[in-house]
Amino acid sequence: MRLRLIACDVLYREICAVVARSPNQVDVEFLPKGLHDRRASEMRLTLQQAVDGVDRAAYDAVLMGYGLCGNGLAGLTARTVPLVVPRAHDCITLFLGDRQRYLNYFQQNPGVYYATTGWIERGTRLGDLSQPGLERYGLAMSREEMVAKYGEENARFLEEEIGAYKKHYRQYTFIQMGVEPDDHFERLTRDAARERGWKFEKVCGDMALIEGLVNGPWDDARYLVVEPGWRVVSSYGDGVIAAEPAA
């Protein structure tokens, strides 16, 4: 098969490693991690433009190297080529290889800030705890900017809420994917944890979900195949996402 893969560049090393060994011909387009910092509607618009630019005569399917990502994929429409989307809330599921494993780890380890090679080298400083969700809703800004936009009283409230949000974190978990050139990224994460007085843990990642996306076949338990004329919608069940006819 000849496939087009549109992916977040936090998955750069992992996807390149898998594509290099794939039996399929895969052309990859990476989009910047900063796309998550926008509102969901803006993220979806950018992804839709990338999908719409795919030549239907050249590819059998378009693969999305994204999870639902704060509803950034909700509404994404397959035009003339089927879309294949992992059933994942976000990219951490892709790094851990299974959404149930991610859920179990999340429940057993509250207050975790994850780190991978991509998260470190593609624009997130380990000492900066601003989260994509804060930026997407316009809350990752200075106090002066908040006062100018929301007023003094509202800015004070938002500042307190954001502070409480950041205090929730107390552990760095480094996900080792097997594509690291050395222990440089792990050491950066360990140092950041030590500076903050946080716990550090290293877990082994799993390429299974990324490999399945790139190589196929796409079983319904792990992937949603969106046929032309249909769009992605969020689902409150175990499947994370579903498809419905596009308006």
C-alpha atoms as a PDB file:
ATOM      1  CA  MET A   1       0.000   0.000   0.000  1.00  0.00           C
ATOM      2  CA  ARG A   2       1.001   3.594  -0.491  1.00  0.00           C
ATOM      3  CA  LEU A   3       0.045   5.661   2.531  1.00  0.00           C
ATOM      4  CA  ARG A   4       0.160   9.273   3.614  1.00  0.00           C
ATOM      5  CA  LEU A   5       0.931   9.799   7.299  1.00  0.00           C
ATOM      6  CA  ILE A   6       0.175  13.147   8.964  1.00  0.00           C
ATOM      7  CA  ALA A   7       1.653  13.246  12.458  1.00  0.00           C
ATOM      8  CA  CYS A   8       2.638  15.439  15.369  1.00  0.00           C
ATOM      9  CA  ASP A   9       6.388  15.912  15.479  1.00  0.00           C
ATOM     10  CA  VAL A  10       6.627  14.739  19.105  1.00  0.00           C
ATOM     11  CA  LEU A  11       6.461  11.287  17.456  1.00  0.00           C
ATOM     12  CA  TYR A  12       9.233  12.093  14.983  1.00  0.00           C
ATOM     13  CA  ARG A  13      11.870   9.569  16.051  1.00  0.00           C
ATOM     14  CA  GLU A  14       9.397   6.777  16.680  1.00  0.00           C
ATOM     15  CA  ILE A  15       7.544   7.203  13.387  1.00  0.00           C
ATOM     16  CA  CYS A  16      10.733   7.475  11.353  1.00  0.00           C
ATOM     17  CA  ALA A  17      12.012   4.246  12.920  1.00  0.00           C
ATOM     18  CA  VAL A  18       8.780   2.393  12.122  1.00  0.00           C
ATOM     19  CA  VAL A  19       8.395   3.798   8.599  1.00  0.00           C
ATOM     20  CA  ALA A  20      11.958   2.759   7.755  1.00  0.00           C
ATOM     21  CA  ARG A  21      11.028  -0.889   8.412  1.00  0.00           C
ATOM     22  CA  SER A  22       7.492  -0.840   7.003  1.00  0.00           C
ATOM     23  CA  PRO A  23       6.458  -3.040   4.073  1.00  0.00           C
ATOM     24  CA  ASN A  24       4.291  -0.144   2.905  1.00  0.00           C
ATOM     25  CA  GLN A  25       5.406   2.973   1.060  1.00  0.00           C
ATOM     26  CA  VAL A  26       4.708   5.738   3.554  1.00  0.00           C
ATOM     27  CA  ASP A  27       5.069   9.451   2.869  1.00  0.00           C
ATOM     28  CA  VAL A  28       5.158  11.434   6.099  1.00  0.00           C
ATOM     29  CA  GLU A  29       4.173  15.012   6.888  1.00  0.00           C
ATOM     30  CA  PHE A  30       5.032  16.219  10.382  1.00  0.00           C
ATOM     31  CA  LEU A  31       3.176  19.151  11.915  1.00  0.00           C
ATOM     32  CA  PRO A  32       4.603  21.149  14.850  1.00  0.00           C
ATOM     33  CA  LYS A  33       3.797  20.280  18.450  1.00  0.00           C
ATOM     34  CA  GLY A  34       2.636  23.867  18.922  1.00  0.00           C
ATOM     35  CA  LEU A  35      -0.517  22.950  17.031  1.00  0.00           C
ATOM     36  CA  HIS A  36      -1.804  21.534  20.339  1.00  0.00           C
ATOM     37  CA  ASP A  37      -1.463  24.972  21.903  1.00  0.00           C
ATOM     38  CA  ARG A  38      -4.260  26.369  19.774  1.00  0.00           C
ATOM     39  CA  ARG A  39      -7.975  25.982  20.260  1.00  0.00           C
ATOM     40  CA  ALA A  40      -9.407  22.658  19.161  1.00  0.00           C
ATOM     41  CA  SER A  41     -11.179  24.314  16.217  1.00  0.00           C
ATOM     42  CA  GLU A  42      -7.913  25.825  14.966  1.00  0.00           C
ATOM     43  CA  MET A  43      -6.067  22.542  15.332  1.00  0.00           C
ATOM     44  CA  ARG A  44      -8.795  20.729  13.418  1.00  0.00           C
ATOM     45  CA  LEU A  45      -8.717  23.334  10.632  1.00  0.00           C
ATOM     46  CA  THR A  46      -4.965  22.862  10.163  1.00  0.00           C
ATOM     47  CA  LEU A  47      -5.305  19.080  10.138  1.00  0.00           C
ATOM     48  CA  GLN A  48      -8.221  19.286   7.702  1.00  0.00           C
ATOM     49  CA  GLN A  49      -6.156  21.390   5.336  1.00  0.00           C
ATOM     50  CA  ALA A  50      -3.388  18.781   5.469  1.00  0.00           C
ATOM     51  CA  VAL A  51      -5.888  15.979   4.808  1.00  0.00           C
ATOM     52  CA  ASP A  52      -7.552  17.880   1.957  1.00  0.00           C
ATOM     53  CA  GLY A  53      -4.181  18.381   0.306  1.00  0.00           C
ATOM     54  CA  VAL A  54      -3.623  14.638  -0.148  1.00  0.00           C
ATOM     55  CA  ASP A  55      -3.793  13.413  -3.743  1.00  0.00           C
ATOM     56  CA  ARG A  56      -6.551  10.792  -3.843  1.00  0.00           C
ATOM     57  CA  ALA A  57      -5.008   9.133  -6.877  1.00  0.00           C
ATOM     58  CA  ALA A  58      -1.679   8.599  -5.140  1.00  0.00           C
ATOM     59  CA  TYR A  59      -2.657   7.059  -1.782  1.00  0.00           C
ATOM     60  CA  ASP A  60      -4.753   4.227  -0.439  1.00  0.00           C
ATOM     61  CA  ALA A  61      -5.327   5.862   2.957  1.00  0.00           C
ATOM     62  CA  VAL A  62      -4.347   8.801   5.142  1.00  0.00           C
ATOM     63  CA  LEU A  63      -2.960   7.843   8.556  1.00  0.00           C
ATOM     64  CA  MET A  64      -3.260  10.251  11.470  1.00  0.00           C
ATOM     65  CA  GLY A  65      -0.402  10.212  13.978  1.00  0.00           C
ATOM     66  CA  TYR A  66      -2.604  11.807  16.634  1.00  0.00           C
ATOM     67  CA  GLY A  67      -4.988  10.871  19.393  1.00  0.00           C
ATOM     68  CA  LEU A  68      -8.228  12.737  19.948  1.00  0.00           C
ATOM     69  CA  CYS A  69      -6.021  15.413  21.555  1.00  0.00           C
ATOM     70  CA  GLY A  70      -8.518  17.600  23.397  1.00  0.00           C
ATOM     71  CA  ASN A  71     -11.069  17.160  20.616  1.00  0.00           C
ATOM     72  CA  GLY A  72      -8.614  18.567  18.078  1.00  0.00           C
ATOM     73  CA  LEU A  73      -9.555  15.689  15.758  1.00  0.00           C
ATOM     74  CA  ALA A  74     -13.298  15.857  16.380  1.00  0.00           C
ATOM     75  CA  GLY A  75     -14.945  16.897  13.130  1.00  0.00           C
ATOM     76  CA  LEU A  76     -12.015  15.879  10.930  1.00  0.00           C
ATOM     77  CA  THR A  77     -13.536  14.672   7.658  1.00  0.00           C
ATOM     78  CA  ALA A  78     -12.393  12.099   5.117  1.00  0.00           C
ATOM     79  CA  ARG A  79     -12.947  13.667   1.713  1.00  0.00           C
ATOM     80  CA  THR A  80     -11.848  11.262  -1.001  1.00  0.00           C
ATOM     81  CA  VAL A  81      -9.355   8.998   0.815  1.00  0.00           C
ATOM     82  CA  PRO A  82     -10.103   6.915   3.945  1.00  0.00           C
ATOM     83  CA  LEU A  83      -8.648   8.170   7.229  1.00  0.00           C
ATOM     84  CA  VAL A  84      -7.120   5.820   9.791  1.00  0.00           C
ATOM     85  CA  VAL A  85      -7.046   7.173  13.344  1.00  0.00           C
ATOM     86  CA  PRO A  86      -5.759   5.427  16.492  1.00  0.00           C
ATOM     87  CA  ARG A  87      -8.326   5.023  19.257  1.00  0.00           C
ATOM     88  CA  ALA A  88      -6.362   7.142  21.711  1.00  0.00           C
ATOM     89  CA  HIS A  89      -7.115  10.160  23.872  1.00  0.00           C
ATOM     90  CA  ASP A  90      -3.661  11.625  23.256  1.00  0.00           C
ATOM     91  CA  CYS A  91      -0.135  10.767  22.184  1.00  0.00           C
ATOM     92  CA  ILE A  92       0.834   9.208  25.536  1.00  0.00           C
ATOM     93  CA  THR A  93      -1.371   6.266  24.548  1.00  0.00           C
ATOM     94  CA  LEU A  94       0.684   5.979  21.352  1.00  0.00           C
ATOM     95  CA  PHE A  95       3.908   5.962  23.356  1.00  0.00           C
ATOM     96  CA  LEU A  96       2.623   3.329  25.793  1.00  0.00           C
ATOM     97  CA  GLY A  97       1.146   1.197  23.019  1.00  0.00           C
ATOM     98  CA  ASP A  98      -2.279   0.546  24.537  1.00  0.00           C
ATOM     99  CA  ARG A  99      -5.015   2.794  25.886  1.00  0.00           C
ATOM    100  CA  GLN A 100      -5.828   0.433  28.777  1.00  0.00           C
ATOM    101  CA  ARG A 101      -2.197   0.481  29.862  1.00  0.00           C
ATOM    102  CA  TYR A 102      -2.265   4.275  29.785  1.00  0.00           C
ATOM    103  CA  LEU A 103      -5.477   4.363  31.803  1.00  0.00           C
ATOM    104  CA  ASN A 104      -4.080   1.958  34.400  1.00  0.00           C
ATOM    105  CA  TYR A 105      -0.869   3.948  34.764  1.00  0.00           C
ATOM    106  CA  PHE A 106      -2.769   7.222  34.979  1.00  0.00           C
ATOM    107  CA  GLN A 107      -5.007   5.893  37.741  1.00  0.00           C
ATOM    108  CA  GLN A 108      -2.130   4.404  39.729  1.00  0.00           C
ATOM    109  CA  ASN A 109       0.155   7.419  39.333  1.00  0.00           C
ATOM    110  CA  PRO A 110      -1.748  10.696  39.725  1.00  0.00           C
ATOM    111  CA  GLY A 111       0.143  13.927  39.151  1.00  0.00           C
ATOM    112  CA  VAL A 112       2.479  12.611  36.432  1.00  0.00           C
ATOM    113  CA  TYR A 113       4.155  14.801  33.821  1.00  0.00           C
ATOM    114  CA  TYR A 114       5.342  12.618  30.950  1.00  0.00           C
ATOM    115  CA  ALA A 115       8.550  13.074  28.995  1.00  0.00           C
ATOM    116  CA  THR A 116       9.844  11.494  25.790  1.00  0.00           C
ATOM    117  CA  THR A 117      12.551  12.454  23.339  1.00  0.00           C
ATOM    118  CA  GLY A 118       9.969  14.263  21.228  1.00  0.00           C
ATOM    119  CA  TRP A 119       8.420  16.197  24.098  1.00  0.00           C
ATOM    120  CA  ILE A 120      11.879  17.366  25.169  1.00  0.00           C
ATOM    121  CA  GLU A 121      13.416  18.274  21.827  1.00  0.00           C
ATOM    122  CA  ARG A 122      10.321  19.520  19.991  1.00  0.00           C
ATOM    123  CA  GLY A 123       9.543  22.579  22.034  1.00  0.00           C
ATOM    124  CA  THR A 124       8.689  21.699  25.647  1.00  0.00           C
ATOM    125  CA  ARG A 125      11.217  22.694  28.270  1.00  0.00           C
ATOM    126  CA  LEU A 126      11.146  20.309  31.220  1.00  0.00           C
ATOM    127  CA  GLY A 127      11.136  23.200  33.661  1.00  0.00           C
ATOM    128  CA  ASP A 128       8.042  24.727  32.061  1.00  0.00           C
ATOM    129  CA  LEU A 129       4.798  23.203  33.262  1.00  0.00           C
ATOM    130  CA  SER A 130       2.480  25.084  30.947  1.00  0.00           C
ATOM    131  CA  GLN A 131       0.184  22.495  29.426  1.00  0.00           C
ATOM    132  CA  PRO A 132      -1.411  22.425  25.978  1.00  0.00           C
ATOM    133  CA  GLY A 133      -4.839  22.684  27.570  1.00  0.00           C
ATOM    134  CA  LEU A 134      -3.929  25.961  29.275  1.00  0.00           C
ATOM    135  CA  GLU A 135      -2.542  27.432  26.100  1.00  0.00           C
ATOM    136  CA  ARG A 136      -5.499  26.271  24.043  1.00  0.00           C
ATOM    137  CA  TYR A 137      -7.887  28.197  26.265  1.00  0.00           C
ATOM    138  CA  GLY A 138      -5.700  31.270  26.368  1.00  0.00           C
ATOM    139  CA  LEU A 139      -4.490  30.800  29.947  1.00  0.00           C
ATOM    140  CA  ALA A 140      -0.769  30.385  29.308  1.00  0.00           C
ATOM    141  CA  MET A 141      -0.123  34.117  29.376  1.00  0.00           C
ATOM    142  CA  SER A 142       1.439  36.680  31.686  1.00  0.00           C
ATOM    143  CA  ARG A 143      -0.592  38.300  34.471  1.00  0.00           C
ATOM    144  CA  GLU A 144      -0.560  41.579  32.563  1.00  0.00           C
ATOM    145  CA  GLU A 145      -2.007  39.854  29.515  1.00  0.00           C
ATOM    146  CA  MET A 146      -4.703  38.205  31.638  1.00  0.00           C
ATOM    147  CA  VAL A 147      -5.640  41.528  33.253  1.00  0.00           C
ATOM    148  CA  ALA A 148      -5.868  43.203  29.855  1.00  0.00           C
ATOM    149  CA  LYS A 149      -8.060  40.429  28.489  1.00  0.00           C
ATOM    150  CA  TYR A 150     -10.195  39.416  31.483  1.00  0.00           C
ATOM    151  CA  GLY A 151      -9.953  42.237  34.020  1.00  0.00           C
ATOM    152  CA  GLU A 152      -8.201  42.412  37.399  1.00  0.00           C
ATOM    153  CA  GLU A 153     -10.604  40.258  39.430  1.00  0.00           C
ATOM    154  CA  ASN A 154     -10.909  37.518  36.826  1.00  0.00           C
ATOM    155  CA  ALA A 155      -7.151  37.538  36.267  1.00  0.00           C
ATOM    156  CA  ARG A 156      -6.574  36.974  39.993  1.00  0.00           C
ATOM    157  CA  PHE A 157      -8.967  34.024  39.994  1.00  0.00           C
ATOM    158  CA  LEU A 158      -7.379  32.481  36.905  1.00  0.00           C
ATOM    159  CA  GLU A 159      -3.910  32.918  38.366  1.00  0.00           C
ATOM    160  CA  GLU A 160      -4.927  31.010  41.490  1.00  0.00           C
ATOM    161  CA  GLU A 161      -6.562  28.234  39.478  1.00  0.00           C
ATOM    162  CA  ILE A 162      -3.573  27.841  37.178  1.00  0.00           C
ATOM    163  CA  GLY A 163      -1.243  27.733  40.182  1.00  0.00           C
ATOM    164  CA  ALA A 164      -3.309  24.947  41.731  1.00  0.00           C
ATOM    165  CA  TYR A 165      -3.297  23.115  38.403  1.00  0.00           C
ATOM    166  CA  LYS A 166       0.489  23.178  38.207  1.00  0.00           C
ATOM    167  CA  LYS A 167       0.904  22.099  41.843  1.00  0.00           C
ATOM    168  CA  HIS A 168      -0.970  18.923  40.982  1.00  0.00           C
ATOM    169  CA  TYR A 169       2.171  17.520  39.356  1.00  0.00           C
ATOM    170  CA  ARG A 170       4.692  15.681  41.517  1.00  0.00           C
ATOM    171  CA  GLN A 171       6.331  13.111  39.260  1.00  0.00           C
ATOM    172  CA  TYR A 172       8.196  12.940  35.973  1.00  0.00           C
ATOM    173  CA  THR A 173       7.811   9.717  34.034  1.00  0.00           C
ATOM    174  CA  PHE A 174      10.251   9.206  31.188  1.00  0.00           C
ATOM    175  CA  ILE A 175       8.953   6.836  28.519  1.00  0.00           C
ATOM    176  CA  GLN A 176      11.852   5.001  26.902  1.00  0.00           C
ATOM    177  CA  MET A 177      10.932   4.015  23.355  1.00  0.00           C
ATOM    178  CA  GLY A 178      14.151   2.353  22.204  1.00  0.00           C
ATOM    179  CA  VAL A 179      14.936   5.086  19.675  1.00  0.00           C
ATOM    180  CA  GLU A 180      17.049   7.210  22.021  1.00  0.00           C
ATOM    181  CA  PRO A 181      20.675   7.638  20.882  1.00  0.00           C
ATOM    182  CA  ASP A 182      21.928   7.587  24.497  1.00  0.00           C
ATOM    183  CA  ASP A 183      20.719   8.402  28.011  1.00  0.00           C
ATOM    184  CA  HIS A 184      20.768  12.170  27.416  1.00  0.00           C
ATOM    185  CA  PHE A 185      16.987  12.632  27.473  1.00  0.00           C
ATOM    186  CA  GLU A 186      16.558  10.417  30.520  1.00  0.00           C
ATOM    187  CA  ARG A 187      19.210  12.407  32.397  1.00  0.00           C
ATOM    188  CA  LEU A 188      17.492  15.686  31.529  1.00  0.00           C
ATOM    189  CA  THR A 189      14.256  14.326  32.967  1.00  0.00           C
ATOM    190  CA  ARG A 190      15.981  13.014  36.108  1.00  0.00           C
ATOM    191  CA  ASP A 191      17.620  16.402  36.652  1.00  0.00           C
ATOM    192  CA  ALA A 192      14.310  18.223  36.227  1.00  0.00           C
ATOM    193  CA  ALA A 193      12.663  15.898  38.763  1.00  0.00           C
ATOM    194  CA  ARG A 194      15.471  16.422  41.255  1.00  0.00           C
ATOM    195  CA  GLU A 195      15.329  20.212  40.900  1.00  0.00           C
ATOM    196  CA  ARG A 196      11.612  20.192  41.654  1.00  0.00           C
ATOM    197  CA  GLY A 197      11.795  17.606  44.409  1.00  0.00           C
ATOM    198  CA  TRP A 198       9.626  15.265  42.375  1.00  0.00           C
ATOM    199  CA  LYS A 199       9.646  11.505  42.034  1.00  0.00           C
ATOM    200  CA  PHE A 200      11.211  10.104  38.866  1.00  0.00           C
ATOM    201  CA  GLU A 201      10.240   6.925  37.082  1.00  0.00           C
ATOM    202  CA  LYS A 202      11.287   5.384  33.800  1.00  0.00           C
ATOM    203  CA  VAL A 203       8.930   3.051  31.959  1.00  0.00           C
ATOM    204  CA  CYS A 204       9.386   1.155  28.722  1.00  0.00           C
ATOM    205  CA  GLY A 205       7.238   2.368  25.894  1.00  0.00           C
ATOM    206  CA  ASP A 206       5.655   0.151  23.282  1.00  0.00           C
ATOM    207  CA  MET A 207       5.708   0.728  19.531  1.00  0.00           C
ATOM    208  CA  ALA A 208       2.775  -1.624  18.876  1.00  0.00           C
ATOM    209  CA  LEU A 209       0.145   1.057  18.243  1.00  0.00           C
ATOM    210  CA  ILE A 210       2.449   3.078  15.975  1.00  0.00           C
ATOM    211  CA  GLU A 211       3.568  -0.039  14.106  1.00  0.00           C
ATOM    212  CA  GLY A 212      -0.021  -1.152  13.617  1.00  0.00           C
ATOM    213  CA  LEU A 213      -0.953   2.271  12.265  1.00  0.00           C
ATOM    214  CA  VAL A 214       1.880   2.298   9.747  1.00  0.00           C
ATOM    215  CA  ASN A 215       1.847  -1.362   8.749  1.00  0.00           C
ATOM    216  CA  GLY A 216      -1.785  -2.424   9.127  1.00  0.00           C
ATOM    217  CA  PRO A 217      -4.105  -4.258   9.180  1.00  0.00           C
ATOM    218  CA  TRP A 218      -6.277  -1.802  11.117  1.00  0.00           C
ATOM    219  CA  ASP A 219      -8.371  -3.773  13.568  1.00  0.00           C
ATOM    220  CA  ASP A 220     -11.445  -1.986  14.871  1.00  0.00           C
ATOM    221  CA  ALA A 221     -10.416  -2.429  18.499  1.00  0.00           C
ATOM    222  CA  ARG A 222      -7.398  -0.150  18.065  1.00  0.00           C
ATOM    223  CA  TYR A 223      -8.125   1.990  14.999  1.00  0.00           C
ATOM    224  CA  LEU A 224     -11.030   3.864  13.474  1.00  0.00           C
ATOM    225  CA  VAL A 225     -11.232   3.762   9.686  1.00  0.00           C
ATOM    226  CA  VAL A 226     -13.204   6.771   8.442  1.00  0.00           C
ATOM    227  CA  GLU A 227     -14.564   6.285   4.948  1.00  0.00           C
ATOM    228  CA  PRO A 228     -14.868   9.219   2.492  1.00  0.00           C
ATOM    229  CA  GLY A 229     -17.861  11.384   3.324  1.00  0.00           C
ATOM    230  CA  TRP A 230     -17.660  10.563   7.032  1.00  0.00           C
ATOM    231  CA  ARG A 231     -16.038  12.450   9.916  1.00  0.00           C
ATOM    232  CA  VAL A 232     -14.456  11.754  13.303  1.00  0.00           C
ATOM    233  CA  VAL A 233     -16.521  12.386  16.437  1.00  0.00           C
ATOM    234  CA  SER A 234     -15.591  11.876  20.069  1.00  0.00           C
ATOM    235  CA  SER A 235     -17.149   8.924  21.839  1.00  0.00           C
ATOM    236  CA  TYR A 236     -17.772   8.518  25.550  1.00  0.00           C
ATOM    237  CA  GLY A 237     -17.362   4.759  25.363  1.00  0.00           C
ATOM    238  CA  ASP A 238     -14.218   2.656  25.372  1.00  0.00           C
ATOM    239  CA  GLY A 239     -13.652   3.304  21.679  1.00  0.00           C
ATOM    240  CA  VAL A 240     -12.700   6.973  22.319  1.00  0.00           C
ATOM    241  CA  ILE A 241     -13.739   8.021  18.804  1.00  0.00           C
ATOM    242  CA  ALA A 242     -16.417   7.100  16.266  1.00  0.00           C
ATOM    243  CA  ALA A 243     -17.463   8.110  12.765  1.00  0.00           C
ATOM    244  CA  GLU A 244     -20.632   9.722  11.479  1.00  0.00           C
ATOM    245  CA  PRO A 245     -21.743  11.031   8.081  1.00  0.00           C
ATOM    246  CA  ALA A 246     -20.342  14.494   7.441  1.00  0.00           C
ATOM    247  CA  ALA A 247     -22.861  17.289   7.153  1.00  0.00           C
END
